[in-house]
Amino acid sequence: MSLQNATPALFAFARYFTRPFCPHCGSEQMVPESSEFAGRGRVRHAWHCDDCGQDFCTDVELGNVTV
């Protein structure tokens, strides 16, 4: 699929549900060690790379999400 045919829903899925790569060794991460609501529409995920032992965090901005 080319990006020209991508829908907004596809971009939203990719933004919120893709797995990060370890900044140290590049290994794809599967599941965060923990997640927390960081306020103002942000969720922070804490990761631990099983391959090299590096710990790192990622933040996801949810924007205008209503429940």
N, C-alpha and C. Protein backbone atom coordinates (compact mmCIF):
# COMPACT_ATOMS: atom_id res chain seq x y z
N MET A 1 0.85 -1.17 0.00
CA MET A 1 0.00 0.00 0.00
C MET A 1 0.89 1.24 0.00
N SER A 2 0.60 2.19 -0.83
CA SER A 2 1.37 3.42 -0.85
C SER A 2 0.77 4.40 0.16
N LEU A 3 1.57 5.36 0.57
CA LEU A 3 1.08 6.35 1.52
C LEU A 3 0.02 7.25 0.90
N GLN A 4 0.00 7.34 -0.42
CA GLN A 4 -1.00 8.16 -1.08
C GLN A 4 -2.40 7.61 -0.87
N ASN A 5 -2.53 6.30 -0.69
CA ASN A 5 -3.83 5.66 -0.51
C ASN A 5 -4.17 5.40 0.96
N ALA A 6 -3.29 5.79 1.87
CA ALA A 6 -3.51 5.52 3.29
C ALA A 6 -4.64 6.39 3.84
N THR A 7 -5.42 5.81 4.72
CA THR A 7 -6.53 6.53 5.34
C THR A 7 -6.06 7.16 6.65
N PRO A 8 -6.78 8.15 7.16
CA PRO A 8 -6.42 8.72 8.46
C PRO A 8 -6.43 7.66 9.57
N ALA A 9 -7.32 6.68 9.47
CA ALA A 9 -7.37 5.62 10.48
C ALA A 9 -6.09 4.81 10.48
N LEU A 10 -5.51 4.57 9.31
CA LEU A 10 -4.26 3.83 9.23
C LEU A 10 -3.13 4.61 9.90
N PHE A 11 -3.07 5.92 9.66
CA PHE A 11 -2.06 6.73 10.31
C PHE A 11 -2.26 6.75 11.82
N ALA A 12 -3.49 6.83 12.29
CA ALA A 12 -3.77 6.82 13.72
C ALA A 12 -3.34 5.50 14.33
N PHE A 13 -3.63 4.38 13.67
CA PHE A 13 -3.22 3.07 14.17
C PHE A 13 -1.71 3.00 14.27
N ALA A 14 -1.02 3.41 13.22
CA ALA A 14 0.44 3.35 13.21
C ALA A 14 1.04 4.24 14.30
N ARG A 15 0.44 5.39 14.53
CA ARG A 15 0.96 6.32 15.53
C ARG A 15 0.84 5.77 16.95
N TYR A 16 -0.28 5.14 17.27
CA TYR A 16 -0.54 4.72 18.64
C TYR A 16 -0.17 3.28 18.95
N PHE A 17 -0.08 2.42 17.94
CA PHE A 17 0.07 1.00 18.23
C PHE A 17 1.32 0.35 17.65
N THR A 18 2.20 1.11 17.02
CA THR A 18 3.43 0.51 16.55
C THR A 18 4.38 0.32 17.71
N ARG A 19 5.26 -0.64 17.59
CA ARG A 19 6.22 -0.92 18.64
C ARG A 19 7.53 -0.18 18.33
N PRO A 20 8.15 0.38 19.36
CA PRO A 20 9.39 1.12 19.13
C PRO A 20 10.58 0.17 18.99
N PHE A 21 11.67 0.74 18.52
CA PHE A 21 12.94 0.02 18.46
C PHE A 21 13.84 0.55 19.55
N CYS A 22 14.63 -0.32 20.14
CA CYS A 22 15.56 0.07 21.19
C CYS A 22 16.53 1.11 20.62
N PRO A 23 16.69 2.25 21.32
CA PRO A 23 17.61 3.27 20.83
C PRO A 23 19.08 2.84 20.91
N HIS A 24 19.36 1.79 21.67
CA HIS A 24 20.75 1.35 21.83
C HIS A 24 21.13 0.28 20.80
N CYS A 25 20.30 -0.77 20.66
CA CYS A 25 20.68 -1.89 19.77
C CYS A 25 19.77 -2.04 18.56
N GLY A 26 18.62 -1.34 18.55
CA GLY A 26 17.73 -1.40 17.39
C GLY A 26 16.74 -2.56 17.40
N SER A 27 16.70 -3.33 18.46
CA SER A 27 15.77 -4.46 18.54
C SER A 27 14.34 -3.97 18.73
N GLU A 28 13.40 -4.56 17.98
CA GLU A 28 12.00 -4.17 18.12
C GLU A 28 11.46 -4.65 19.45
N GLN A 29 10.75 -3.77 20.14
CA GLN A 29 10.19 -4.08 21.46
C GLN A 29 8.76 -4.59 21.30
N MET A 30 8.36 -5.49 22.16
CA MET A 30 7.04 -6.10 22.06
C MET A 30 6.01 -5.51 23.01
N VAL A 31 6.32 -5.45 24.29
CA VAL A 31 5.36 -5.01 25.31
C VAL A 31 6.08 -4.10 26.31
N PRO A 32 5.49 -2.95 26.63
CA PRO A 32 6.15 -2.09 27.62
C PRO A 32 6.14 -2.73 29.00
N GLU A 33 7.14 -2.39 29.80
CA GLU A 33 7.20 -2.86 31.19
C GLU A 33 6.07 -2.23 31.99
N SER A 34 5.77 -0.97 31.70
CA SER A 34 4.67 -0.29 32.37
C SER A 34 4.18 0.85 31.50
N SER A 35 2.96 1.28 31.78
CA SER A 35 2.35 2.42 31.09
C SER A 35 1.64 3.26 32.13
N GLU A 36 1.65 4.57 31.92
CA GLU A 36 0.97 5.46 32.86
C GLU A 36 0.41 6.66 32.12
N PHE A 37 -0.69 7.17 32.64
CA PHE A 37 -1.25 8.40 32.12
C PHE A 37 -0.37 9.53 32.64
N ALA A 38 0.20 10.30 31.74
CA ALA A 38 1.15 11.34 32.12
C ALA A 38 0.53 12.73 32.14
N GLY A 39 -0.78 12.81 32.02
CA GLY A 39 -1.46 14.09 32.06
C GLY A 39 -1.51 14.77 30.71
N ARG A 40 -2.48 15.67 30.58
CA ARG A 40 -2.65 16.46 29.35
C ARG A 40 -2.68 15.61 28.08
N GLY A 41 -3.37 14.49 28.14
CA GLY A 41 -3.56 13.66 26.96
C GLY A 41 -2.34 12.87 26.52
N ARG A 42 -1.44 12.56 27.46
CA ARG A 42 -0.25 11.79 27.12
C ARG A 42 -0.20 10.50 27.92
N VAL A 43 0.29 9.45 27.28
CA VAL A 43 0.54 8.17 27.94
C VAL A 43 2.03 7.88 27.79
N ARG A 44 2.67 7.56 28.90
CA ARG A 44 4.11 7.24 28.90
C ARG A 44 4.28 5.74 29.06
N HIS A 45 5.09 5.15 28.18
CA HIS A 45 5.42 3.73 28.25
C HIS A 45 6.89 3.59 28.64
N ALA A 46 7.16 2.72 29.60
CA ALA A 46 8.53 2.40 30.01
C ALA A 46 8.88 1.05 29.40
N TRP A 47 10.04 0.99 28.73
CA TRP A 47 10.47 -0.21 28.02
C TRP A 47 11.79 -0.72 28.60
N HIS A 48 11.99 -2.03 28.51
CA HIS A 48 13.26 -2.65 28.87
C HIS A 48 13.61 -3.62 27.75
N CYS A 49 14.73 -3.38 27.09
CA CYS A 49 15.13 -4.24 25.97
C CYS A 49 15.71 -5.54 26.51
N ASP A 50 15.12 -6.66 26.11
CA ASP A 50 15.60 -7.97 26.54
C ASP A 50 16.93 -8.33 25.88
N ASP A 51 17.22 -7.73 24.73
CA ASP A 51 18.45 -8.06 24.01
C ASP A 51 19.69 -7.39 24.60
N CYS A 52 19.59 -6.11 24.99
CA CYS A 52 20.78 -5.41 25.47
C CYS A 52 20.64 -4.84 26.88
N GLY A 53 19.42 -4.85 27.44
CA GLY A 53 19.21 -4.36 28.80
C GLY A 53 18.95 -2.87 28.93
N GLN A 54 18.87 -2.16 27.81
CA GLN A 54 18.63 -0.71 27.83
C GLN A 54 17.20 -0.42 28.30
N ASP A 55 17.06 0.56 29.18
CA ASP A 55 15.75 1.05 29.60
C ASP A 55 15.50 2.38 28.91
N PHE A 56 14.26 2.61 28.44
CA PHE A 56 13.91 3.88 27.81
C PHE A 56 12.41 4.08 27.89
N CYS A 57 11.97 5.30 27.66
CA CYS A 57 10.55 5.64 27.71
C CYS A 57 10.11 6.26 26.39
N THR A 58 8.84 6.07 26.09
CA THR A 58 8.22 6.73 24.95
C THR A 58 6.93 7.40 25.45
N ASP A 59 6.56 8.50 24.82
CA ASP A 59 5.31 9.19 25.14
C ASP A 59 4.42 9.18 23.91
N VAL A 60 3.14 8.96 24.14
CA VAL A 60 2.15 9.03 23.06
C VAL A 60 1.18 10.14 23.42
N GLU A 61 1.01 11.07 22.50
CA GLU A 61 0.04 12.15 22.72
C GLU A 61 -1.28 11.74 22.09
N LEU A 62 -2.31 11.68 22.93
CA LEU A 62 -3.61 11.19 22.48
C LEU A 62 -4.42 12.26 21.77
N GLY A 63 -4.12 13.51 21.99
CA GLY A 63 -4.87 14.57 21.33
C GLY A 63 -6.27 14.70 21.90
N ASN A 64 -7.24 14.95 21.06
CA ASN A 64 -8.62 15.15 21.49
C ASN A 64 -9.38 13.85 21.44
N VAL A 65 -9.18 13.01 22.44
CA VAL A 65 -9.86 11.73 22.52
C VAL A 65 -10.98 11.85 23.52
N THR A 66 -12.19 11.46 23.12
CA THR A 66 -13.32 11.47 24.05
C THR A 66 -13.77 10.04 24.28
N VAL A 67 -14.17 9.79 25.51
CA VAL A 67 -14.60 8.44 25.88
C VAL A 67 -16.07 8.47 26.25
